[in-house]
Every structure is written in C-alpha cells, then in structure tokens.
C-alpha cells in the first residue's frame, strides 16, 4: 500500500456531508500527485461520502485508500423542523461519537504507517482537532488544519475576537458591509463541541482553505496576519471543474434538463442540514409556481447522523402541485439525492436558490450560476454577504434579522423572477460567468490556486 520512504497523507473529516465532501475532493487532488491518501471515518460515514460523490470515481484512484473504522452505534435523532435555531443540533451526538471513538483507531493507523513513511501528513477538519491529539507521539507526523468555511466568514469571526484597538486597517475591508450577527447561527451544544475541539492548545504546521485568492485574498491576508505563526494555503476550488459521467448512472433530472432551453431553469436546494416546516415548504411551492420559471427542487429532509438508519420524513406539498408541474413540464421535485455539481454545470441551469453553504457557493461560482441567497444557520448568513454584497453574484431573499418569519410565496416569486428574468439578474449571471472563467484559470498552470497547491505539495514532500 505504501512504499518505504514515501510521504503519505491521512484525511480526518468531520462526519457531516459538506465536510466529508470537501476532504474527499481534496483527496482526489493530492492522490493525483502520486501521493498515497488514507481517508478515515466510521464505516457508514465513509460509505456516505463515496455514495454521494459524482463527477469522478473514488474507486478508480489507486492512491486513495479508505479506512472504515467500527465505532459504537451512531446516534440518529430526527431533525426538528420547528426548532428555534435551524442549526442541525440532531447531528451533534454523531459528531461527538465519531470524534471520540476515531481517536484510537487513527493513532493505531499512524503508528502502522510511521515506520514505512518518510513523513505522515495529517489533514484534519478543524472540528476534529481532539481526534488527532495523539499525533505528537508519532515522530515523523505533522498536522494541517482544514477550514471548511469561507475565508470571509473566518476573517470576520477572528476580527470580532480581537481587541478593538488591535484590529487596524482590516476593518475598512468590511466596514461598509451589513454583517449579520451570529445570533441564531449555532446552538449552545455546538459551541461546547467547538470548545472541546480547541481545548487542548496545539501548534499546527499549516492551515488549508477550499478557496481562491481570486475571490478572497483580502480575507486570507487578515487570517495570515492574525495567525502569522503558521503557513496558509488557499488551494481551492476542490470540486471537479470538468465532470466525468457514466451513461448507466444518469439521474433523471439531467435528462429533463437536456430538454430545456439555456439558462431557463432555477435549481432549488437547501443542502443536507436544513429541515423546513411544512408551512414554509408550501410557500416555496406556491412561489416557484407563480414565478413561471422552470425549476428543479431538491426536497429532502436534513441528514441524520447515520443516513442509512431508519425512515426519512417526506415533506408534504400542496395538493396536486407535484403532479401538475411535472405534467406541464414546468418543474421537477427531486426527493432523493441529486447530483448538484452536474445540475449546476448543465447549460440549462440559470439560477440557484441556495442556503449558501460553502460547498454550494464554490460550486455555483465555478459553474457560473448566480443565486438567490437564503441562509439558514452556521456560516451561511455571512457567506451570503460575500456572494451578494462583495462578489455581486446573487441577491438576498430576506435579512438575517428576519430569519424567524415565514418567507411568503410572493417574496419567493419576486426573488426568482428577479434572478431569472430581469436585467439585474442577467447582470449577476454575466458577473458570475466571468468569475467562473477566472476561477478555472486559477487552477491551470501558473494560476494562483495551482501555485498555492504546488507550494503545499512541495512543502509536505520536502526532504527535511
């Protein structure tokens, strides 16, 4: 599996889809440099990560090795659509279980790799820091902190933690922006989990970001100034830019997209951690239908801690809606897993109603699709500011301060029409299409992200 004297990489993701996905994409990029990558996780979480990958085939990479570890049963409380805070608190028990019980198997793996490797490079999600605490016992191992959120959101948070007098000129970068508060973004239980991860001071060898200096250089510079003792690499986008496909695995929604006109379909998805109440779902349905824009709507409940365990709530739609829009060719409701990258890259997709999770933001930018920003929790409200106010590739459906109010069908109808069928919407599309070109150039030879990635690879494969 590993030749003596090689540098090997070990990936330690957080057990949530948006985190599993990013480090699996990064595994593809690193393994393509002829470096063995070991991706670790609970058996069901690894199965989830592989099942939901599209655009490339994890089993086709000889350098990518999955380590499926047995841990105690993963707690699977159902999501609560009526919760006061939309943060997926039902996932925290699964985070805790994985973080605690992967620590021993990870240490054993590192000890088994150590005698044969020149260096073990552990890349861990920043929310899995406690799992890699034992790395100091491995003489030839070093760890790198992966941040799964935007540099923009991170920089604002770090500035908020600084003393007012030490912030310096960096605040001028964000002073004219309407930055949402963190109220309603997280639960107290999550903050306690975060404190557990960062409770033991450790010095990492570097910080990795799934972003590009093209879109976030000012915020990366803030992070470099604040945390100047370690190296920083912005090596995104991680997601494939050209998708491979296999004819036997074409999702029906892609066949439907093939029949639509260019830029005529709005894609609606709120990610894997959003649970909406039936009343809000009904308003979305009415708003989409009244907008008279064609749509693909992924209507799924939030993931549970183990997505293979038990029944999934099926959300109710207004009577006759689903059949009517399908029969009239106006839209599709997808209730299973949908290939988001393939949908966003399709020429018929012209807009995206999104929760603004960082995966979705990066995928939308790289595929040149503008968005209606509808943040739900976590870093999403601040990501929405980056997308709408800074990059100007989307519009906000409602202020974060109004998050507890029902978003009415009229508001949804107007936002979708504005994105898909107005001069302002066309301007956003032109902007994001231009940005997509620049982002793609960034990963080509001499591009800024390629140079960052080359720098990282050179660093981890150095002789001393």
Protein backbone atom coordinates (compact mmCIF):
# COMPACT_ATOMS: atom_id res chain seq x y z
CA UNK A 1 0.00 0.00 0.00
CA UNK A 2 2.80 2.42 0.90
CA UNK A 3 6.33 2.20 -0.43
CA UNK A 4 9.09 2.78 2.08
CA UNK A 5 10.26 6.37 2.14
CA UNK A 6 7.09 7.88 0.70
CA UNK A 7 5.19 10.83 2.08
CA UNK A 8 1.65 9.73 2.93
CA UNK A 9 -1.42 11.84 3.67
CA UNK A 10 -4.14 10.94 6.19
CA UNK A 11 -7.50 12.73 5.92
CA UNK A 12 -9.67 13.17 9.04
CA UNK A 13 -13.04 14.71 8.07
CA UNK A 14 -15.93 15.79 10.28
CA UNK A 15 -18.92 13.46 9.93
CA UNK A 16 -21.19 15.89 8.07
CA UNK A 17 -21.80 15.81 4.33
CA UNK A 18 -20.36 19.24 3.50
CA UNK A 19 -17.17 18.34 5.37
CA UNK A 20 -16.86 14.74 4.14
CA UNK A 21 -17.28 16.02 0.60
CA UNK A 22 -14.59 18.70 0.69
CA UNK A 23 -11.86 16.46 2.09
CA UNK A 24 -12.76 13.68 -0.34
CA UNK A 25 -12.37 16.14 -3.22
CA UNK A 26 -9.03 17.24 -1.76
CA UNK A 27 -8.00 13.57 -1.52
CA UNK A 28 -8.54 13.29 -5.27
CA UNK A 29 -6.30 16.27 -5.96
CA UNK A 30 -3.48 15.09 -3.70
CA UNK A 31 -3.58 11.47 -4.85
CA UNK A 32 -3.24 12.74 -8.44
CA UNK A 33 0.26 13.91 -7.42
CA UNK A 34 1.23 10.27 -6.81
CA UNK A 35 0.91 10.63 -3.04
CA UNK A 36 -0.95 7.89 -1.15
CA UNK A 37 -4.00 9.28 0.67
CA UNK A 38 -5.70 7.47 3.56
CA UNK A 39 -9.26 8.69 4.19
CA UNK A 40 -10.55 7.66 7.61
CA UNK A 41 -14.01 7.54 9.12
CA UNK A 42 -16.76 5.46 10.62
CA UNK A 43 -17.88 2.76 8.18
CA UNK A 44 -21.24 4.40 7.44
CA UNK A 45 -19.79 7.88 7.05
CA UNK A 46 -17.21 6.66 4.52
CA UNK A 47 -19.99 4.83 2.71
CA UNK A 48 -22.00 8.07 2.64
CA UNK A 49 -19.07 10.09 1.29
CA UNK A 50 -18.40 7.64 -1.55
CA UNK A 51 -22.08 7.16 -2.41
CA UNK A 52 -22.66 10.87 -2.93
CA UNK A 53 -19.55 11.69 -4.97
CA UNK A 54 -20.18 12.45 -8.63
CA UNK A 55 -18.04 13.80 -11.41
CA UNK A 56 -15.29 11.31 -10.60
CA UNK A 57 -14.96 7.77 -9.29
CA UNK A 58 -13.17 7.24 -5.94
CA UNK A 59 -12.65 3.54 -6.70
CA UNK A 60 -10.64 4.40 -9.81
CA UNK A 61 -7.80 6.02 -7.83
CA UNK A 62 -5.12 3.52 -6.87
CA UNK A 63 -3.57 6.01 -4.42
CA UNK A 64 -6.80 6.58 -2.44
CA UNK A 65 -7.36 4.22 0.49
CA UNK A 66 -10.46 4.21 2.69
CA UNK A 67 -10.24 3.06 6.29
CA UNK A 68 -13.66 2.10 7.57
CA UNK A 69 -13.49 2.01 11.37
CA UNK A 70 -16.10 0.43 13.59
CA UNK A 71 -17.38 2.76 16.28
CA UNK A 72 -20.34 2.48 18.68
CA UNK A 73 -23.79 2.94 17.11
CA UNK A 74 -24.18 6.45 15.74
CA UNK A 75 -26.99 8.37 17.48
CA UNK A 76 -29.74 9.20 14.98
CA UNK A 77 -32.32 11.57 16.45
CA UNK A 78 -34.54 13.05 13.71
CA UNK A 79 -34.13 16.67 12.62
CA UNK A 80 -36.55 19.14 14.18
CA UNK A 81 -38.11 21.47 11.57
CA UNK A 82 -39.75 23.51 14.35
CA UNK A 83 -36.53 24.20 16.27
CA UNK A 84 -35.95 27.84 17.17
CA UNK A 85 -32.45 27.69 15.66
CA UNK A 86 -32.08 25.96 12.30
CA UNK A 87 -28.62 24.62 13.14
CA UNK A 88 -28.75 20.77 12.87
CA UNK A 89 -28.42 20.08 16.60
CA UNK A 90 -29.55 16.50 15.96
CA UNK A 91 -26.14 15.83 14.32
CA UNK A 92 -24.04 16.87 17.33
CA UNK A 93 -24.25 13.42 19.02
CA UNK A 94 -22.86 11.85 15.84
CA UNK A 95 -20.04 14.43 15.73
CA UNK A 96 -19.17 13.65 19.35
CA UNK A 97 -19.28 9.88 18.85
CA UNK A 98 -17.03 9.98 15.80
CA UNK A 99 -14.56 12.47 17.29
CA UNK A 100 -14.11 10.40 20.44
CA UNK A 101 -14.09 6.90 19.01
CA UNK A 102 -11.95 7.52 15.91
CA UNK A 103 -9.07 8.78 18.04
CA UNK A 104 -7.74 5.32 18.98
CA UNK A 105 -8.06 3.74 15.50
CA UNK A 106 -6.40 6.83 13.98
CA UNK A 107 -3.46 6.59 16.38
CA UNK A 108 -3.05 2.89 15.54
CA UNK A 109 -3.10 3.67 11.81
CA UNK A 110 -0.47 6.38 12.21
CA UNK A 111 1.78 4.02 14.19
CA UNK A 112 1.42 1.37 11.46
CA UNK A 113 2.29 3.85 8.70
CA UNK A 114 5.12 5.59 10.54
CA UNK A 115 7.95 3.01 10.10
CA UNK A 116 7.47 2.95 6.33
CA UNK A 117 6.77 6.61 5.59
CA UNK A 118 9.24 9.44 5.25
CA UNK A 119 6.56 11.74 6.61
CA UNK A 120 2.90 11.38 7.60
CA UNK A 121 0.84 14.44 6.76
CA UNK A 122 -2.42 14.51 8.72
CA UNK A 123 -5.03 16.87 7.27
CA UNK A 124 -7.89 17.15 9.70
CA UNK A 125 -11.08 19.14 9.76
CA UNK A 126 -10.71 21.98 12.26
CA UNK A 127 -13.69 20.46 14.11
CA UNK A 128 -11.85 17.15 14.56
CA UNK A 129 -8.85 18.57 16.44
CA UNK A 130 -9.38 16.39 19.51
CA UNK A 131 -9.23 13.26 17.35
CA UNK A 132 -5.64 13.99 16.30
CA UNK A 133 -4.34 14.90 19.78
CA UNK A 134 -2.03 11.87 19.81
CA UNK A 135 -0.11 12.91 16.71
CA UNK A 136 2.74 14.25 18.87
CA UNK A 137 3.59 10.66 19.73
CA UNK A 138 4.43 9.97 16.06
CA UNK A 139 7.92 11.38 15.37
CA UNK A 140 7.54 11.75 11.63
CA UNK A 141 3.96 13.10 11.59
CA UNK A 142 2.73 16.67 11.22
CA UNK A 143 -0.80 18.04 11.10
CA UNK A 144 -2.61 20.60 8.98
CA UNK A 145 -5.83 22.32 9.92
CA UNK A 146 -8.52 22.32 7.21
CA UNK A 147 -11.13 25.07 7.39
CA UNK A 148 -14.35 24.10 5.65
CA UNK A 149 -15.83 27.61 5.57
CA UNK A 150 -15.11 30.77 3.60
CA UNK A 151 -12.09 32.89 4.48
CA UNK A 152 -14.55 35.80 4.60
CA UNK A 153 -16.60 34.22 7.40
CA UNK A 154 -13.45 33.17 9.26
CA UNK A 155 -11.82 36.59 8.99
CA UNK A 156 -14.88 38.37 10.35
CA UNK A 157 -15.05 35.96 13.28
CA UNK A 158 -11.35 36.43 14.05
CA UNK A 159 -11.66 40.22 13.87
CA UNK A 160 -14.59 40.08 16.27
CA UNK A 161 -12.40 38.22 18.77
CA UNK A 162 -9.65 40.84 18.62
CA UNK A 163 -9.40 43.84 20.85
CA UNK A 164 -10.87 46.90 19.11
CA UNK A 165 -7.55 48.74 19.24
CA UNK A 166 -5.62 45.95 17.51
CA UNK A 167 -7.89 45.48 14.53
CA UNK A 168 -6.01 48.02 12.47
CA UNK A 169 -6.96 48.84 8.93
CA UNK A 170 -8.51 45.45 8.18
CA UNK A 171 -11.89 46.63 9.42
CA UNK A 172 -12.04 49.03 6.47
CA UNK A 173 -12.44 45.99 4.20
CA UNK A 174 -15.73 45.08 5.83
CA UNK A 175 -16.92 48.37 7.35
CA UNK A 176 -19.45 49.12 4.60
CA UNK A 177 -20.92 45.61 4.63
CA UNK A 178 -24.04 44.59 6.52
CA UNK A 179 -22.50 41.75 8.53
CA UNK A 180 -25.12 39.53 10.22
CA UNK A 181 -24.65 38.67 13.87
CA UNK A 182 -24.01 35.09 14.96
CA UNK A 183 -27.37 35.07 16.75
CA UNK A 184 -29.34 32.07 15.56
CA UNK A 185 -26.38 30.56 13.69
CA UNK A 186 -25.44 27.86 16.23
CA UNK A 187 -26.75 26.16 19.35
CA UNK A 188 -25.08 26.18 22.75
CA UNK A 189 -24.35 22.45 22.38
CA UNK A 190 -22.37 23.13 19.22
CA UNK A 191 -20.28 25.85 20.88
CA UNK A 192 -19.47 23.34 23.62
CA UNK A 193 -18.36 20.85 20.97
CA UNK A 194 -16.17 23.55 19.39
CA UNK A 195 -14.59 24.33 22.76
CA UNK A 196 -13.82 20.64 23.20
CA UNK A 197 -12.00 20.59 19.84
CA UNK A 198 -9.88 23.61 20.65
CA UNK A 199 -9.49 22.99 24.37
CA UNK A 200 -6.01 21.49 24.02
CA UNK A 201 -3.59 24.06 22.55
CA UNK A 202 -1.74 22.55 19.61
CA UNK A 203 0.53 24.02 17.02
CA UNK A 204 -0.40 23.00 13.51
CA UNK A 205 2.03 23.04 10.61
CA UNK A 206 -0.37 24.97 8.43
CA UNK A 207 -3.91 25.95 7.50
CA UNK A 208 -5.70 24.86 4.33
CA UNK A 209 -8.70 26.56 2.72
CA UNK A 210 -11.06 25.48 -0.05
CA UNK A 211 -10.97 28.90 -1.64
CA UNK A 212 -9.05 31.00 -4.12
CA UNK A 213 -7.19 34.28 -3.76
CA UNK A 214 -9.11 35.47 -6.80
CA UNK A 215 -12.24 35.87 -4.69
CA UNK A 216 -10.99 36.04 -1.09
CA UNK A 217 -7.46 37.45 -1.00
CA UNK A 218 -8.22 40.37 1.40
CA UNK A 219 -9.71 37.99 3.96
CA UNK A 220 -6.90 35.46 3.60
CA UNK A 221 -4.46 38.28 4.31
CA UNK A 222 -6.34 39.10 7.52
CA UNK A 223 -6.12 35.46 8.61
CA UNK A 224 -2.41 35.38 7.78
CA UNK A 225 -1.80 38.49 9.92
CA UNK A 226 -3.80 37.19 12.88
CA UNK A 227 -2.30 33.71 12.74
CA UNK A 228 1.15 34.54 11.40
CA UNK A 229 2.98 31.67 13.13
CA UNK A 230 1.75 29.03 10.69
CA UNK A 231 1.61 28.77 6.92
CA UNK A 232 -1.63 29.30 4.98
CA UNK A 233 -2.60 27.85 1.61
CA UNK A 234 -5.70 28.75 -0.40
CA UNK A 235 -5.87 25.78 -2.75
CA UNK A 236 -9.49 25.74 -3.94
CA UNK A 237 -11.68 25.09 -5.74
CA UNK A 238 -11.60 21.43 -4.70
CA UNK A 239 -14.63 20.32 -6.73
CA UNK A 240 -14.08 18.96 -10.25
CA UNK A 241 -14.48 21.59 -12.95
CA UNK A 242 -14.96 19.09 -15.77
CA UNK A 243 -17.25 16.23 -14.81
CA UNK A 244 -16.80 12.66 -15.96
CA UNK A 245 -20.04 10.77 -16.49
CA UNK A 246 -21.16 7.20 -16.96
CA UNK A 247 -24.23 6.60 -19.10
CA UNK A 248 -25.62 3.94 -16.77
CA UNK A 249 -25.79 6.39 -13.86
CA UNK A 250 -27.55 9.42 -15.34
CA UNK A 251 -30.01 10.97 -12.90
CA UNK A 252 -33.50 11.52 -14.44
CA UNK A 253 -33.34 15.24 -13.66
CA UNK A 254 -30.36 15.60 -16.02
CA UNK A 255 -32.37 14.03 -18.85
CA UNK A 256 -35.13 16.56 -18.11
CA UNK A 257 -32.57 19.40 -18.16
CA UNK A 258 -31.39 18.24 -21.58
CA UNK A 259 -34.82 19.20 -22.94
CA UNK A 260 -34.84 22.76 -21.56
CA UNK A 261 -33.54 26.00 -23.03
CA UNK A 262 -30.22 27.53 -21.97
CA UNK A 263 -30.28 29.29 -18.58
CA UNK A 264 -34.01 28.67 -18.23
CA UNK A 265 -34.12 26.51 -15.07
CA UNK A 266 -33.69 27.58 -11.46
CA UNK A 267 -32.23 24.95 -9.15
CA UNK A 268 -33.56 24.96 -5.58
CA UNK A 269 -31.70 23.16 -2.80
CA UNK A 270 -31.03 23.93 0.85
CA UNK A 271 -28.29 21.37 1.42
CA UNK A 272 -28.08 18.38 3.72
CA UNK A 273 -28.59 20.05 7.12
CA UNK A 274 -31.80 22.05 6.60
CA UNK A 275 -35.18 20.87 7.88
CA UNK A 276 -38.09 23.09 6.80
CA UNK A 277 -41.57 23.17 8.29
CA UNK A 278 -44.45 22.13 6.03
CA UNK A 279 -45.85 25.68 6.11
CA UNK A 280 -42.61 27.06 4.62
CA UNK A 281 -42.44 24.27 2.07
CA UNK A 282 -45.97 25.16 0.90
CA UNK A 283 -44.94 28.80 0.43
CA UNK A 284 -41.89 27.75 -1.61
CA UNK A 285 -44.12 25.60 -3.82
CA UNK A 286 -46.57 28.42 -4.45
CA UNK A 287 -43.77 30.92 -5.04
CA UNK A 288 -41.99 28.71 -7.57
CA UNK A 289 -45.20 28.00 -9.47
CA UNK A 290 -46.23 31.68 -9.57
CA UNK A 291 -42.78 32.75 -10.76
CA UNK A 292 -43.49 30.99 -14.07
CA UNK A 293 -39.85 29.89 -14.18
CA UNK A 294 -38.89 26.28 -14.75
CA UNK A 295 -37.29 24.64 -11.72
CA UNK A 296 -35.67 21.59 -10.17
CA UNK A 297 -36.40 21.48 -6.45
CA UNK A 298 -34.50 19.04 -4.24
CA UNK A 299 -36.93 18.49 -1.37
CA UNK A 300 -35.24 16.31 1.22
CA UNK A 301 -35.19 16.37 4.99
CA UNK A 302 -31.90 17.07 6.76
CA UNK A 303 -29.46 14.18 7.04
CA UNK A 304 -29.46 12.14 10.23
CA UNK A 305 -26.25 11.09 11.96
CA UNK A 306 -26.44 7.82 10.02
CA UNK A 307 -28.22 8.36 6.72
CA UNK A 308 -28.71 4.60 6.31
CA UNK A 309 -30.63 4.24 9.56
CA UNK A 310 -34.43 4.37 9.60
CA UNK A 311 -37.14 6.27 7.79
CA UNK A 312 -36.83 9.77 6.35
CA UNK A 313 -39.64 12.30 6.75
CA UNK A 314 -41.41 13.01 3.46
CA UNK A 315 -42.42 16.64 3.32
CA UNK A 316 -45.98 17.46 2.31
CA UNK A 317 -46.64 19.63 -0.75
CA UNK A 318 -49.85 21.45 -1.72
CA UNK A 319 -52.34 19.01 -3.19
CA UNK A 320 -51.72 18.33 -6.87
CA UNK A 321 -48.62 20.53 -7.06
CA UNK A 322 -46.04 17.86 -7.81
CA UNK A 323 -48.09 16.12 -10.50
CA UNK A 324 -49.21 19.40 -12.06
CA UNK A 325 -45.78 20.97 -12.54
CA UNK A 326 -44.36 17.72 -13.87
CA UNK A 327 -47.22 17.17 -16.32
CA UNK A 328 -47.00 20.75 -17.57
CA UNK A 329 -43.23 20.47 -17.91
CA UNK A 330 -42.69 23.38 -15.54
CA UNK A 331 -40.62 21.68 -12.91
CA UNK A 332 -39.35 18.61 -11.10
CA UNK A 333 -39.42 17.78 -7.42
CA UNK A 334 -36.49 15.50 -6.53
CA UNK A 335 -36.84 13.68 -3.22
CA UNK A 336 -33.68 11.58 -3.38
CA UNK A 337 -30.02 12.57 -3.55
CA UNK A 338 -29.39 14.85 -6.54
CA UNK A 339 -26.09 15.34 -8.41
CA UNK A 340 -25.70 19.04 -7.61
CA UNK A 341 -22.45 19.61 -9.49
CA UNK A 342 -23.91 18.07 -12.64
CA UNK A 343 -27.06 20.18 -12.31
CA UNK A 344 -25.12 23.42 -11.79
CA UNK A 345 -22.77 22.66 -14.69
CA UNK A 346 -25.67 21.98 -17.08
CA UNK A 347 -26.26 24.66 -19.70
CA UNK A 348 -29.99 24.81 -18.94
CA UNK A 349 -29.42 25.82 -15.31
CA UNK A 350 -29.57 29.58 -14.98
CA UNK A 351 -30.01 30.20 -11.26
CA UNK A 352 -29.70 28.64 -7.82
CA UNK A 353 -31.87 29.19 -4.73
CA UNK A 354 -29.39 28.18 -2.04
CA UNK A 355 -28.73 28.11 1.70
CA UNK A 356 -25.19 29.39 0.95
CA UNK A 357 -23.25 26.51 2.44
CA UNK A 358 -19.62 26.91 1.37
CA UNK A 359 -19.65 23.83 -0.89
CA UNK A 360 -22.67 25.23 -2.73
CA UNK A 361 -21.14 28.71 -3.02
CA UNK A 362 -17.92 27.39 -4.54
CA UNK A 363 -19.78 25.06 -6.89
CA UNK A 364 -22.09 27.87 -8.04
CA UNK A 365 -19.16 30.21 -8.71
CA UNK A 366 -17.07 27.64 -10.57
CA UNK A 367 -20.07 26.64 -12.71
CA UNK A 368 -21.08 30.26 -13.39
CA UNK A 369 -24.53 30.19 -11.77
CA UNK A 370 -25.96 33.21 -9.86
CA UNK A 371 -28.01 32.64 -6.73
CA UNK A 372 -30.87 33.66 -4.51
CA UNK A 373 -29.25 33.53 -1.08
CA UNK A 374 -31.44 32.04 1.65
CA UNK A 375 -29.11 31.30 4.60
CA UNK A 376 -30.32 29.00 7.38
CA UNK A 377 -27.53 28.69 10.00
CA UNK A 378 -23.77 28.35 10.67
CA UNK A 379 -21.52 30.34 8.33
CA UNK A 380 -24.30 30.67 5.75
CA UNK A 381 -25.53 34.21 6.69
CA UNK A 382 -22.02 35.59 6.30
CA UNK A 383 -21.35 33.59 3.14
CA UNK A 384 -24.48 35.23 1.72
CA UNK A 385 -22.91 38.66 2.26
CA UNK A 386 -19.83 37.57 0.34
CA UNK A 387 -21.98 36.32 -2.53
CA UNK A 388 -24.42 39.24 -2.71
CA UNK A 389 -22.56 42.35 -1.49
CA UNK A 390 -18.91 41.56 -2.23
CA UNK A 391 -18.89 39.37 -5.33
CA UNK A 392 -22.33 40.57 -6.51
CA UNK A 393 -23.33 37.21 -7.93
CA UNK A 394 -26.63 36.87 -6.12
CA UNK A 395 -29.48 38.52 -4.26
CA UNK A 396 -30.64 38.09 -0.68
CA UNK A 397 -34.16 36.78 -0.15
CA UNK A 398 -34.51 38.27 3.33
CA UNK A 399 -32.41 39.89 6.05
CA UNK A 400 -30.93 37.60 8.69
CA UNK A 401 -32.69 39.63 11.37
CA UNK A 402 -35.98 38.44 9.83
CA UNK A 403 -34.98 34.78 9.91
CA UNK A 404 -37.79 33.74 12.28
CA UNK A 405 -40.51 34.96 9.94
CA UNK A 406 -42.18 32.85 7.29
CA UNK A 407 -40.91 33.73 3.81
CA UNK A 408 -44.07 34.22 1.81
CA UNK A 409 -44.79 32.92 -1.68
CA UNK A 410 -44.83 36.45 -3.10
CA UNK A 411 -41.30 37.12 -1.82
CA UNK A 412 -40.06 33.85 -3.32
CA UNK A 413 -41.83 34.52 -6.62
CA UNK A 414 -40.31 38.00 -6.88
CA UNK A 415 -36.79 36.83 -5.98
CA UNK A 416 -36.84 34.00 -8.53
CA UNK A 417 -38.18 36.26 -11.27
CA UNK A 418 -35.60 38.91 -10.46
CA UNK A 419 -32.79 36.37 -10.70
CA UNK A 420 -34.03 34.60 -13.82
CA UNK A 421 -35.88 37.24 -15.84
CA UNK A 422 -34.62 40.74 -15.10
CA UNK A 423 -31.76 42.94 -16.27
CA UNK A 424 -30.30 42.83 -12.76
CA UNK A 425 -30.40 39.04 -12.81
CA UNK A 426 -28.74 38.94 -16.23
CA UNK A 427 -26.02 41.22 -14.86
CA UNK A 428 -25.38 38.84 -11.96
CA UNK A 429 -25.18 35.94 -14.40
CA UNK A 430 -22.65 37.79 -16.54
CA UNK A 431 -20.57 38.60 -13.44
CA UNK A 432 -20.53 35.04 -12.15
CA UNK A 433 -19.77 33.63 -15.60
CA UNK A 434 -16.74 35.91 -15.79
CA UNK A 435 -15.73 34.85 -12.29
CA UNK A 436 -16.04 31.19 -13.28
CA UNK A 437 -13.54 31.74 -16.08
CA UNK A 438 -11.09 33.35 -13.66
CA UNK A 439 -11.59 30.58 -11.10
CA UNK A 440 -10.91 27.93 -13.73
CA UNK A 441 -7.79 29.77 -14.84
CA UNK A 442 -6.60 29.80 -11.22
CA UNK A 443 -6.12 26.01 -11.19
CA UNK A 444 -4.34 25.91 -14.54
CA UNK A 445 -0.58 26.16 -14.93
CA UNK A 446 0.71 29.46 -13.45
CA UNK A 447 -2.72 30.12 -11.94
CA UNK A 448 -2.85 31.43 -8.39
CA UNK A 449 -4.51 28.33 -6.87
CA UNK A 450 -2.22 25.99 -8.81
CA UNK A 451 0.79 27.85 -7.43
CA UNK A 452 -0.63 27.61 -3.91
CA UNK A 453 -1.26 23.90 -4.34
CA UNK A 454 2.21 23.33 -5.82
CA UNK A 455 3.65 25.19 -2.84
CA UNK A 456 1.75 22.96 -0.42
CA UNK A 457 2.82 19.76 -2.19
CA UNK A 458 6.44 20.94 -2.25
CA UNK A 459 6.24 21.70 1.45
CA UNK A 460 4.88 18.34 2.54
CA UNK A 461 7.28 16.40 0.27
CA UNK A 462 10.37 18.39 1.30
CA UNK A 463 13.48 16.38 2.16
CA UNK A 464 13.97 17.73 5.70
